[in-house]
Amino acid sequence: MHPDGRVRGAAVRWLAARWTGEEFRWLLLRCLDWLPPVRDLAEPAVRARALSAASADRPADAVAMLLMEHAVHLAAVGDQANQMVENP
């Protein structure tokens, strides 16, 4: 993971243009990026893949992707809340 958000954003744009299946986990990871612009690039790519899986008659894949997206987001929110409680 590069420390520069511009580099991470460029990587997300590059990954979003690929549809091999290998890019999904990296796009999902960038949905948790600490910079909103990077997250904002990754989230539509993840959603597009979920919708593509659903439209390709693979609803279980689409549901799994969406559940993973929400689980990871909730984990990040929980981590932030824990930090606020531990370090007021």
PDB file of N, CA and C in Angstrom:
ATOM      1  N   MET A   1       0.845  -1.177   0.000  1.00  0.00           N
ATOM      2  CA  MET A   1       0.000   0.000   0.000  1.00  0.00           C
ATOM      3  C   MET A   1       0.889   1.237   0.000  1.00  0.00           C
ATOM      4  N   HIS A   2       0.712   2.032  -0.963  1.00  0.00           N
ATOM      5  CA  HIS A   2       1.522   3.231  -1.115  1.00  0.00           C
ATOM      6  C   HIS A   2       1.020   4.325  -0.174  1.00  0.00           C
ATOM      7  N   PRO A   3       1.918   5.108   0.417  1.00  0.00           N
ATOM      8  CA  PRO A   3       1.472   6.152   1.337  1.00  0.00           C
ATOM      9  C   PRO A   3       0.807   7.344   0.642  1.00  0.00           C
ATOM     10  N   ASP A   4       1.011   7.500  -0.651  1.00  0.00           N
ATOM     11  CA  ASP A   4       0.462   8.636  -1.391  1.00  0.00           C
ATOM     12  C   ASP A   4      -0.911   8.281  -1.961  1.00  0.00           C
ATOM     13  N   GLY A   5      -1.920   9.034  -1.558  1.00  0.00           N
ATOM     14  CA  GLY A   5      -3.280   8.785  -2.022  1.00  0.00           C
ATOM     15  C   GLY A   5      -3.442   8.918  -3.520  1.00  0.00           C
ATOM     16  N   ARG A   6      -2.632   9.757  -4.144  1.00  0.00           N
ATOM     17  CA  ARG A   6      -2.718   9.902  -5.610  1.00  0.00           C
ATOM     18  C   ARG A   6      -2.299   8.612  -6.304  1.00  0.00           C
ATOM     19  N   VAL A   7      -1.295   7.954  -5.749  1.00  0.00           N
ATOM     20  CA  VAL A   7      -0.840   6.687  -6.315  1.00  0.00           C
ATOM     21  C   VAL A   7      -1.901   5.609  -6.090  1.00  0.00           C
ATOM     22  N   ARG A   8      -2.472   5.572  -4.870  1.00  0.00           N
ATOM     23  CA  ARG A   8      -3.532   4.593  -4.590  1.00  0.00           C
ATOM     24  C   ARG A   8      -4.740   4.842  -5.485  1.00  0.00           C
ATOM     25  N   GLY A   9      -5.080   6.120  -5.705  1.00  0.00           N
ATOM     26  CA  GLY A   9      -6.197   6.452  -6.584  1.00  0.00           C
ATOM     27  C   GLY A   9      -5.948   5.996  -8.012  1.00  0.00           C
ATOM     28  N   ALA A  10      -4.725   6.198  -8.493  1.00  0.00           N
ATOM     29  CA  ALA A  10      -4.379   5.739  -9.846  1.00  0.00           C
ATOM     30  C   ALA A  10      -4.468   4.220  -9.929  1.00  0.00           C
ATOM     31  N   ALA A  11      -4.039   3.545  -8.878  1.00  0.00           N
ATOM     32  CA  ALA A  11      -4.130   2.080  -8.863  1.00  0.00           C
ATOM     33  C   ALA A  11      -5.585   1.630  -8.892  1.00  0.00           C
ATOM     34  N   VAL A  12      -6.452   2.326  -8.159  1.00  0.00           N
ATOM     35  CA  VAL A  12      -7.883   1.975  -8.160  1.00  0.00           C
ATOM     36  C   VAL A  12      -8.463   2.180  -9.556  1.00  0.00           C
ATOM     37  N   ARG A  13      -8.119   3.287 -10.199  1.00  0.00           N
ATOM     38  CA  ARG A  13      -8.625   3.518 -11.563  1.00  0.00           C
ATOM     39  C   ARG A  13      -8.147   2.411 -12.506  1.00  0.00           C
ATOM     40  N   TRP A  14      -6.892   2.005 -12.373  1.00  0.00           N
ATOM     41  CA  TRP A  14      -6.345   0.929 -13.207  1.00  0.00           C
ATOM     42  C   TRP A  14      -7.074  -0.382 -12.931  1.00  0.00           C
ATOM     43  N   LEU A  15      -7.267  -0.706 -11.652  1.00  0.00           N
ATOM     44  CA  LEU A  15      -7.965  -1.947 -11.287  1.00  0.00           C
ATOM     45  C   LEU A  15      -9.419  -1.928 -11.745  1.00  0.00           C
ATOM     46  N   ALA A  16     -10.074  -0.780 -11.615  1.00  0.00           N
ATOM     47  CA  ALA A  16     -11.489  -0.676 -11.979  1.00  0.00           C
ATOM     48  C   ALA A  16     -11.710  -0.932 -13.469  1.00  0.00           C
ATOM     49  N   ALA A  17     -10.682  -0.702 -14.277  1.00  0.00           N
ATOM     50  CA  ALA A  17     -10.799  -0.929 -15.719  1.00  0.00           C
ATOM     51  C   ALA A  17     -10.624  -2.403 -16.088  1.00  0.00           C
ATOM     52  N   ARG A  18     -10.228  -3.222 -15.135  1.00  0.00           N
ATOM     53  CA  ARG A  18     -10.032  -4.648 -15.388  1.00  0.00           C
ATOM     54  C   ARG A  18     -11.204  -5.448 -14.832  1.00  0.00           C
ATOM     55  N   TRP A  19     -11.557  -6.511 -15.507  1.00  0.00           N
ATOM     56  CA  TRP A  19     -12.661  -7.372 -15.073  1.00  0.00           C
ATOM     57  C   TRP A  19     -12.221  -8.833 -15.108  1.00  0.00           C
ATOM     58  N   THR A  20     -11.137  -9.136 -14.430  1.00  0.00           N
ATOM     59  CA  THR A  20     -10.634 -10.508 -14.425  1.00  0.00           C
ATOM     60  C   THR A  20     -11.116 -11.292 -13.212  1.00  0.00           C
ATOM     61  N   GLY A  21     -11.586 -10.597 -12.202  1.00  0.00           N
ATOM     62  CA  GLY A  21     -11.967 -11.232 -10.944  1.00  0.00           C
ATOM     63  C   GLY A  21     -10.880 -11.089  -9.891  1.00  0.00           C
ATOM     64  N   GLU A  22      -9.638 -10.970 -10.336  1.00  0.00           N
ATOM     65  CA  GLU A  22      -8.515 -10.820  -9.408  1.00  0.00           C
ATOM     66  C   GLU A  22      -8.485  -9.437  -8.767  1.00  0.00           C
ATOM     67  N   GLU A  23      -9.091  -8.475  -9.419  1.00  0.00           N
ATOM     68  CA  GLU A  23      -9.038  -7.095  -8.924  1.00  0.00           C
ATOM     69  C   GLU A  23      -9.998  -6.830  -7.774  1.00  0.00           C
ATOM     70  N   PHE A  24     -10.997  -7.709  -7.616  1.00  0.00           N
ATOM     71  CA  PHE A  24     -12.060  -7.413  -6.648  1.00  0.00           C
ATOM     72  C   PHE A  24     -11.536  -7.219  -5.234  1.00  0.00           C
ATOM     73  N   ARG A  25     -10.688  -8.105  -4.760  1.00  0.00           N
ATOM     74  CA  ARG A  25     -10.217  -8.003  -3.370  1.00  0.00           C
ATOM     75  C   ARG A  25      -9.440  -6.726  -3.130  1.00  0.00           C
ATOM     76  N   TRP A  26      -8.696  -6.263  -4.159  1.00  0.00           N
ATOM     77  CA  TRP A  26      -7.918  -5.037  -3.988  1.00  0.00           C
ATOM     78  C   TRP A  26      -8.827  -3.816  -4.027  1.00  0.00           C
ATOM     79  N   LEU A  27      -9.844  -3.860  -4.869  1.00  0.00           N
ATOM     80  CA  LEU A  27     -10.816  -2.771  -4.876  1.00  0.00           C
ATOM     81  C   LEU A  27     -11.564  -2.710  -3.553  1.00  0.00           C
ATOM     82  N   LEU A  28     -11.925  -3.877  -3.046  1.00  0.00           N
ATOM     83  CA  LEU A  28     -12.618  -3.934  -1.762  1.00  0.00           C
ATOM     84  C   LEU A  28     -11.752  -3.353  -0.654  1.00  0.00           C
ATOM     85  N   LEU A  29     -10.486  -3.654  -0.676  1.00  0.00           N
ATOM     86  CA  LEU A  29      -9.559  -3.100   0.312  1.00  0.00           C
ATOM     87  C   LEU A  29      -9.517  -1.582   0.231  1.00  0.00           C
ATOM     88  N   ARG A  30      -9.537  -1.037  -0.966  1.00  0.00           N
ATOM     89  CA  ARG A  30      -9.492   0.418  -1.117  1.00  0.00           C
ATOM     90  C   ARG A  30     -10.813   1.071  -0.710  1.00  0.00           C
ATOM     91  N   CYS A  31     -11.874   0.306  -0.566  1.00  0.00           N
ATOM     92  CA  CYS A  31     -13.119   0.855  -0.009  1.00  0.00           C
ATOM     93  C   CYS A  31     -12.910   1.291   1.438  1.00  0.00           C
ATOM     94  N   LEU A  32     -11.826   0.827   2.053  1.00  0.00           N
ATOM     95  CA  LEU A  32     -11.487   1.190   3.433  1.00  0.00           C
ATOM     96  C   LEU A  32     -10.379   2.234   3.506  1.00  0.00           C
ATOM     97  N   ASP A  33      -9.992   2.786   2.382  1.00  0.00           N
ATOM     98  CA  ASP A  33      -8.896   3.759   2.382  1.00  0.00           C
ATOM     99  C   ASP A  33      -9.235   4.933   3.294  1.00  0.00           C
ATOM    100  N   TRP A  34      -8.209   5.503   3.911  1.00  0.00           N
ATOM    101  CA  TRP A  34      -8.429   6.615   4.841  1.00  0.00           C
ATOM    102  C   TRP A  34      -8.719   7.920   4.119  1.00  0.00           C
ATOM    103  N   LEU A  35      -8.512   7.959   2.800  1.00  0.00           N
ATOM    104  CA  LEU A  35      -8.835   9.160   2.036  1.00  0.00           C
ATOM    105  C   LEU A  35     -10.160   8.967   1.290  1.00  0.00           C
ATOM    106  N   PRO A  36     -11.134   9.828   1.554  1.00  0.00           N
ATOM    107  CA  PRO A  36     -12.430   9.689   0.867  1.00  0.00           C
ATOM    108  C   PRO A  36     -12.334   9.641  -0.652  1.00  0.00           C
ATOM    109  N   PRO A  37     -11.466  10.428  -1.320  1.00  0.00           N
ATOM    110  CA  PRO A  37     -11.424  10.339  -2.781  1.00  0.00           C
ATOM    111  C   PRO A  37     -11.032   8.947  -3.297  1.00  0.00           C
ATOM    112  N   VAL A  38     -10.163   8.267  -2.568  1.00  0.00           N
ATOM    113  CA  VAL A  38      -9.776   6.913  -2.980  1.00  0.00           C
ATOM    114  C   VAL A  38     -10.942   5.956  -2.755  1.00  0.00           C
ATOM    115  N   ARG A  39     -11.593   6.073  -1.596  1.00  0.00           N
ATOM    116  CA  ARG A  39     -12.783   5.242  -1.328  1.00  0.00           C
ATOM    117  C   ARG A  39     -13.847   5.481  -2.387  1.00  0.00           C
ATOM    118  N   ASP A  40     -14.034   6.762  -2.736  1.00  0.00           N
ATOM    119  CA  ASP A  40     -15.065   7.112  -3.711  1.00  0.00           C
ATOM    120  C   ASP A  40     -14.789   6.527  -5.097  1.00  0.00           C
ATOM    121  N   LEU A  41     -13.534   6.280  -5.407  1.00  0.00           N
ATOM    122  CA  LEU A  41     -13.197   5.615  -6.674  1.00  0.00           C
ATOM    123  C   LEU A  41     -13.457   4.115  -6.598  1.00  0.00           C
ATOM    124  N   ALA A  42     -13.168   3.513  -5.456  1.00  0.00           N
ATOM    125  CA  ALA A  42     -13.266   2.055  -5.320  1.00  0.00           C
ATOM    126  C   ALA A  42     -14.705   1.569  -5.184  1.00  0.00           C
ATOM    127  N   GLU A  43     -15.514   2.295  -4.443  1.00  0.00           N
ATOM    128  CA  GLU A  43     -16.866   1.807  -4.143  1.00  0.00           C
ATOM    129  C   GLU A  43     -17.723   1.555  -5.385  1.00  0.00           C
ATOM    130  N   PRO A  44     -17.743   2.454  -6.379  1.00  0.00           N
ATOM    131  CA  PRO A  44     -18.552   2.147  -7.571  1.00  0.00           C
ATOM    132  C   PRO A  44     -18.053   0.920  -8.334  1.00  0.00           C
ATOM    133  N   ALA A  45     -16.737   0.702  -8.321  1.00  0.00           N
ATOM    134  CA  ALA A  45     -16.194  -0.476  -9.011  1.00  0.00           C
ATOM    135  C   ALA A  45     -16.638  -1.755  -8.316  1.00  0.00           C
ATOM    136  N   VAL A  46     -16.670  -1.735  -6.986  1.00  0.00           N
ATOM    137  CA  VAL A  46     -17.140  -2.908  -6.238  1.00  0.00           C
ATOM    138  C   VAL A  46     -18.620  -3.139  -6.512  1.00  0.00           C
ATOM    139  N   ARG A  47     -19.395  -2.076  -6.480  1.00  0.00           N
ATOM    140  CA  ARG A  47     -20.836  -2.209  -6.752  1.00  0.00           C
ATOM    141  C   ARG A  47     -21.092  -2.718  -8.171  1.00  0.00           C
ATOM    142  N   ALA A  48     -20.332  -2.210  -9.131  1.00  0.00           N
ATOM    143  CA  ALA A  48     -20.518  -2.644 -10.520  1.00  0.00           C
ATOM    144  C   ALA A  48     -20.277  -4.145 -10.653  1.00  0.00           C
ATOM    145  N   ARG A  49     -19.284  -4.638  -9.939  1.00  0.00           N
ATOM    146  CA  ARG A  49     -19.011  -6.069  -9.999  1.00  0.00           C
ATOM    147  C   ARG A  49     -20.115  -6.868  -9.323  1.00  0.00           C
ATOM    148  N   ALA A  50     -20.662  -6.341  -8.264  1.00  0.00           N
ATOM    149  CA  ALA A  50     -21.774  -7.025  -7.597  1.00  0.00           C
ATOM    150  C   ALA A  50     -22.993  -7.065  -8.515  1.00  0.00           C
ATOM    151  N   LEU A  51     -23.278  -5.960  -9.171  1.00  0.00           N
ATOM    152  CA  LEU A  51     -24.416  -5.925 -10.095  1.00  0.00           C
ATOM    153  C   LEU A  51     -24.166  -6.832 -11.289  1.00  0.00           C
ATOM    154  N   SER A  52     -22.943  -6.884 -11.760  1.00  0.00           N
ATOM    155  CA  SER A  52     -22.607  -7.754 -12.885  1.00  0.00           C
ATOM    156  C   SER A  52     -22.806  -9.219 -12.505  1.00  0.00           C
ATOM    157  N   ALA A  53     -22.410  -9.578 -11.298  1.00  0.00           N
ATOM    158  CA  ALA A  53     -22.597 -10.956 -10.838  1.00  0.00           C
ATOM    159  C   ALA A  53     -24.080 -11.287 -10.752  1.00  0.00           C
ATOM    160  N   ALA A  54     -24.878 -10.321 -10.292  1.00  0.00           N
ATOM    161  CA  ALA A  54     -26.322 -10.556 -10.178  1.00  0.00           C
ATOM    162  C   ALA A  54     -26.950 -10.694 -11.565  1.00  0.00           C
ATOM    163  N   SER A  55     -26.530  -9.845 -12.494  1.00  0.00           N
ATOM    164  CA  SER A  55     -27.133  -9.896 -13.827  1.00  0.00           C
ATOM    165  C   SER A  55     -26.651 -11.109 -14.616  1.00  0.00           C
ATOM    166  N   ALA A  56     -25.553 -11.701 -14.205  1.00  0.00           N
ATOM    167  CA  ALA A  56     -25.039 -12.890 -14.888  1.00  0.00           C
ATOM    168  C   ALA A  56     -25.614 -14.158 -14.284  1.00  0.00           C
ATOM    169  N   ASP A  57     -26.740 -14.015 -13.609  1.00  0.00           N
ATOM    170  CA  ASP A  57     -27.421 -15.154 -12.996  1.00  0.00           C
ATOM    171  C   ASP A  57     -26.551 -15.827 -11.930  1.00  0.00           C
ATOM    172  N   ARG A  58     -25.837 -14.992 -11.190  1.00  0.00           N
ATOM    173  CA  ARG A  58     -25.049 -15.484 -10.062  1.00  0.00           C
ATOM    174  C   ARG A  58     -25.403 -14.649  -8.831  1.00  0.00           C
ATOM    175  N   PRO A  59     -26.655 -14.677  -8.414  1.00  0.00           N
ATOM    176  CA  PRO A  59     -27.063 -13.821  -7.295  1.00  0.00           C
ATOM    177  C   PRO A  59     -26.296 -14.119  -6.012  1.00  0.00           C
ATOM    178  N   ALA A  60     -25.893 -15.359  -5.811  1.00  0.00           N
ATOM    179  CA  ALA A  60     -25.145 -15.671  -4.588  1.00  0.00           C
ATOM    180  C   ALA A  60     -23.815 -14.935  -4.569  1.00  0.00           C
ATOM    181  N   ASP A  61     -23.154 -14.819  -5.724  1.00  0.00           N
ATOM    182  CA  ASP A  61     -21.906 -14.067  -5.784  1.00  0.00           C
ATOM    183  C   ASP A  61     -22.142 -12.597  -5.469  1.00  0.00           C
ATOM    184  N   ALA A  62     -23.227 -12.050  -6.016  1.00  0.00           N
ATOM    185  CA  ALA A  62     -23.533 -10.648  -5.765  1.00  0.00           C
ATOM    186  C   ALA A  62     -23.800 -10.402  -4.287  1.00  0.00           C
ATOM    187  N   VAL A  63     -24.569 -11.275  -3.683  1.00  0.00           N
ATOM    188  CA  VAL A  63     -24.871 -11.124  -2.252  1.00  0.00           C
ATOM    189  C   VAL A  63     -23.598 -11.257  -1.426  1.00  0.00           C
ATOM    190  N   ALA A  64     -22.759 -12.207  -1.772  1.00  0.00           N
ATOM    191  CA  ALA A  64     -21.501 -12.391  -1.039  1.00  0.00           C
ATOM    192  C   ALA A  64     -20.631 -11.146  -1.134  1.00  0.00           C
ATOM    193  N   MET A  65     -20.548 -10.558  -2.316  1.00  0.00           N
ATOM    194  CA  MET A  65     -19.742  -9.345  -2.484  1.00  0.00           C
ATOM    195  C   MET A  65     -20.284  -8.198  -1.646  1.00  0.00           C
ATOM    196  N   LEU A  66     -21.591  -8.024  -1.686  1.00  0.00           N
ATOM    197  CA  LEU A  66     -22.190  -6.938  -0.911  1.00  0.00           C
ATOM    198  C   LEU A  66     -22.028  -7.160   0.585  1.00  0.00           C
ATOM    199  N   LEU A  67     -22.187  -8.388   1.029  1.00  0.00           N
ATOM    200  CA  LEU A  67     -21.997  -8.675   2.450  1.00  0.00           C
ATOM    201  C   LEU A  67     -20.558  -8.419   2.876  1.00  0.00           C
ATOM    202  N   MET A  68     -19.616  -8.801   2.045  1.00  0.00           N
ATOM    203  CA  MET A  68     -18.214  -8.539   2.367  1.00  0.00           C
ATOM    204  C   MET A  68     -17.958  -7.040   2.439  1.00  0.00           C
ATOM    205  N   GLU A  69     -18.515  -6.298   1.503  1.00  0.00           N
ATOM    206  CA  GLU A  69     -18.330  -4.850   1.489  1.00  0.00           C
ATOM    207  C   GLU A  69     -18.847  -4.242   2.791  1.00  0.00           C
ATOM    208  N   HIS A  70     -20.033  -4.635   3.191  1.00  0.00           N
ATOM    209  CA  HIS A  70     -20.610  -4.074   4.413  1.00  0.00           C
ATOM    210  C   HIS A  70     -19.883  -4.553   5.662  1.00  0.00           C
ATOM    211  N   ALA A  71     -19.461  -5.787   5.687  1.00  0.00           N
ATOM    212  CA  ALA A  71     -18.734  -6.303   6.850  1.00  0.00           C
ATOM    213  C   ALA A  71     -17.424  -5.563   7.039  1.00  0.00           C
ATOM    214  N   VAL A  72     -16.722  -5.330   5.959  1.00  0.00           N
ATOM    215  CA  VAL A  72     -15.446  -4.621   6.055  1.00  0.00           C
ATOM    216  C   VAL A  72     -15.678  -3.182   6.485  1.00  0.00           C
ATOM    217  N   HIS A  73     -16.699  -2.553   5.942  1.00  0.00           N
ATOM    218  CA  HIS A  73     -17.016  -1.173   6.334  1.00  0.00           C
ATOM    219  C   HIS A  73     -17.385  -1.102   7.814  1.00  0.00           C
ATOM    220  N   LEU A  74     -18.216  -2.018   8.265  1.00  0.00           N
ATOM    221  CA  LEU A  74     -18.610  -2.020   9.678  1.00  0.00           C
ATOM    222  C   LEU A  74     -17.418  -2.267  10.593  1.00  0.00           C
ATOM    223  N   ALA A  75     -16.508  -3.103  10.167  1.00  0.00           N
ATOM    224  CA  ALA A  75     -15.303  -3.350  10.962  1.00  0.00           C
ATOM    225  C   ALA A  75     -14.480  -2.075  11.088  1.00  0.00           C
ATOM    226  N   ALA A  76     -14.368  -1.329   9.999  1.00  0.00           N
ATOM    227  CA  ALA A  76     -13.603  -0.082  10.034  1.00  0.00           C
ATOM    228  C   ALA A  76     -14.277   0.942  10.943  1.00  0.00           C
ATOM    229  N   VAL A  77     -15.583   1.020  10.862  1.00  0.00           N
ATOM    230  CA  VAL A  77     -16.313   1.948  11.732  1.00  0.00           C
ATOM    231  C   VAL A  77     -16.133   1.545  13.197  1.00  0.00           C
ATOM    232  N   GLY A  78     -16.190   0.256  13.450  1.00  0.00           N
ATOM    233  CA  GLY A  78     -15.987  -0.232  14.817  1.00  0.00           C
ATOM    234  C   GLY A  78     -14.596   0.086  15.327  1.00  0.00           C
ATOM    235  N   ASP A  79     -13.593  -0.052  14.475  1.00  0.00           N
ATOM    236  CA  ASP A  79     -12.223   0.283  14.868  1.00  0.00           C
ATOM    237  C   ASP A  79     -12.107   1.759  15.218  1.00  0.00           C
ATOM    238  N   GLN A  80     -12.728   2.603  14.415  1.00  0.00           N
ATOM    239  CA  GLN A  80     -12.694   4.038  14.684  1.00  0.00           C
ATOM    240  C   GLN A  80     -13.381   4.361  15.997  1.00  0.00           C
ATOM    241  N   ALA A  81     -14.517   3.715  16.254  1.00  0.00           N
ATOM    242  CA  ALA A  81     -15.246   3.957  17.502  1.00  0.00           C
ATOM    243  C   ALA A  81     -14.412   3.499  18.701  1.00  0.00           C
ATOM    244  N   ASN A  82     -13.758   2.354  18.571  1.00  0.00           N
ATOM    245  CA  ASN A  82     -12.913   1.868  19.665  1.00  0.00           C
ATOM    246  C   ASN A  82     -11.770   2.834  19.946  1.00  0.00           C
ATOM    247  N   GLN A  83     -11.179   3.380  18.917  1.00  0.00           N
ATOM    248  CA  GLN A  83     -10.091   4.332  19.112  1.00  0.00           C
ATOM    249  C   GLN A  83     -10.574   5.586  19.819  1.00  0.00           C
ATOM    250  N   MET A  84     -11.777   6.030  19.475  1.00  0.00           N
ATOM    251  CA  MET A  84     -12.325   7.231  20.117  1.00  0.00           C
ATOM    252  C   MET A  84     -12.590   6.973  21.593  1.00  0.00           C
ATOM    253  N   VAL A  85     -13.032   5.774  21.933  1.00  0.00           N
ATOM    254  CA  VAL A  85     -13.310   5.444  23.328  1.00  0.00           C
ATOM    255  C   VAL A  85     -12.006   5.299  24.105  1.00  0.00           C
ATOM    256  N   GLU A  86     -11.024   4.652  23.498  1.00  0.00           N
ATOM    257  CA  GLU A  86      -9.760   4.420  24.181  1.00  0.00           C
ATOM    258  C   GLU A  86      -8.912   5.670  24.282  1.00  0.00           C
ATOM    259  N   ASN A  87      -9.035   6.582  23.350  1.00  0.00           N
ATOM    260  CA  ASN A  87      -8.233   7.814  23.324  1.00  0.00           C
ATOM    261  C   ASN A  87      -9.132   9.031  23.197  1.00  0.00           C
ATOM    262  N   PRO A  88      -9.865   9.380  24.245  1.00  0.00           N
ATOM    263  CA  PRO A  88     -10.815  10.499  24.130  1.00  0.00           C
ATOM    264  C   PRO A  88     -10.156  11.837  23.892  1.00  0.00           C
TER     265      PRO A  88
END
